[in-house]
């Protein structure tokens, strides 16, 4: 069998010779047409038509030469086929190419270990909270961020309507121990963030919808009706607003404290029934999980002095991984500055606790975690929580490692 190089020369050489002859003839005709058009305008049109005819004739010439060639595609690829293998010969005695199946791609999402299996969200308390959220048009980070622990957090103890048959506090305490404390994380200032962190599933946009001026009242009414003991208020980043949403955040906290009996009510009257109802209210512990407000500490002060109980701001990961994990407008040192400033502006350091969280499983080392813990301690942070990072979708950062419960326990002991 002839080689590929021999077939190439036999096939291409006549084409090149024909192309050169046609180009030479076309060039001569173009020169003749050009000289003629300089004297008579009508002959210029004829010359242009002549060029088109020549192009068409050349195309026809190439087609006819290709039809006369005996070489085929199989002649070019035949040298790569093992003709001794009868399995590669079809009914027309022409070699065929047997394609190999590509190896399967490795899965980007690691399978979750057994200890991370969450309980389905089916409790009556969960459905009650979900219905209220829908009816008031509120958003929760539990849903927006696709948190798998929503069933545990929203399950909680029965609502006052469900526990009407309870006659004493002892029975109520037993129920709370059985069902746990109901907690919810309400996301204020909309469900669309102006930042795009690589780990977060919340929607993003450069220009989210405007704030709802009635949101402080809606949130306060919803939380009061739920009978929660502990509520976490968080928010999306709103870099599009002048004050980053700090004033709105402050208003929600203050209104919630007023309705829950935990704030100063300036409109209190002498009505015995109202006073009795107010005294029976169980003050809600309010935790505010805030953005970094672009490091503007005066905005941090607005929220820190709003009457909340816990000021939380997540540092998310170790310093080395921060540029990859968080939005470029966030920063490791910037988050430390926010947490440090909260302690400086509160009247008494014991009045407001500061809290932060670190995700594990992103590729951090133990030494980097210890360094981060020391940095947080130097910033006078009171509480730090560790959590396993879970990849929301294939578009987000992959999980590098699933940390075992035993390892989390080691970190707890070392932190304490």
Foldseek 3Di string as FASTA:
>chain_A
DDALVVVCCVQCVVVVVLVVVLVVVLVVLLVVQVVVCVVPVVSVVVSVVVSVVSVVVSVVVVVVSVVPDPDDPLNNCVVVDDLVDPVQADPVRGGHDDDDDDDDDDDLADDDDPVPDADDQDAPQLVLLVVLCVVLVWAFLCVQQVPRHSSLQRQAADFCVVCVVDDDVVVVVVRCVVRPFHETETAAPDQEACFDFQQGRTHYDVDDDGHDPCVLVSVLVSVQRSLGQEYEYEYHFDPVDPLRCLQVLLSSVLSNQVSQLNDDDPPDDDDPVVVVVSVPRDGHAYEYAYELSLLPQVSLLSNLPSRHAEYEYALAEFQVCDPRGTGPSDHNVSSLSSLLSSCVNDPHNNRYAYEYEYEPQQPDDPVSVVVSLVSNVVSVHDYYYYDYRHHPDPSHRYGNDDDDPVVRVVVVVVSD
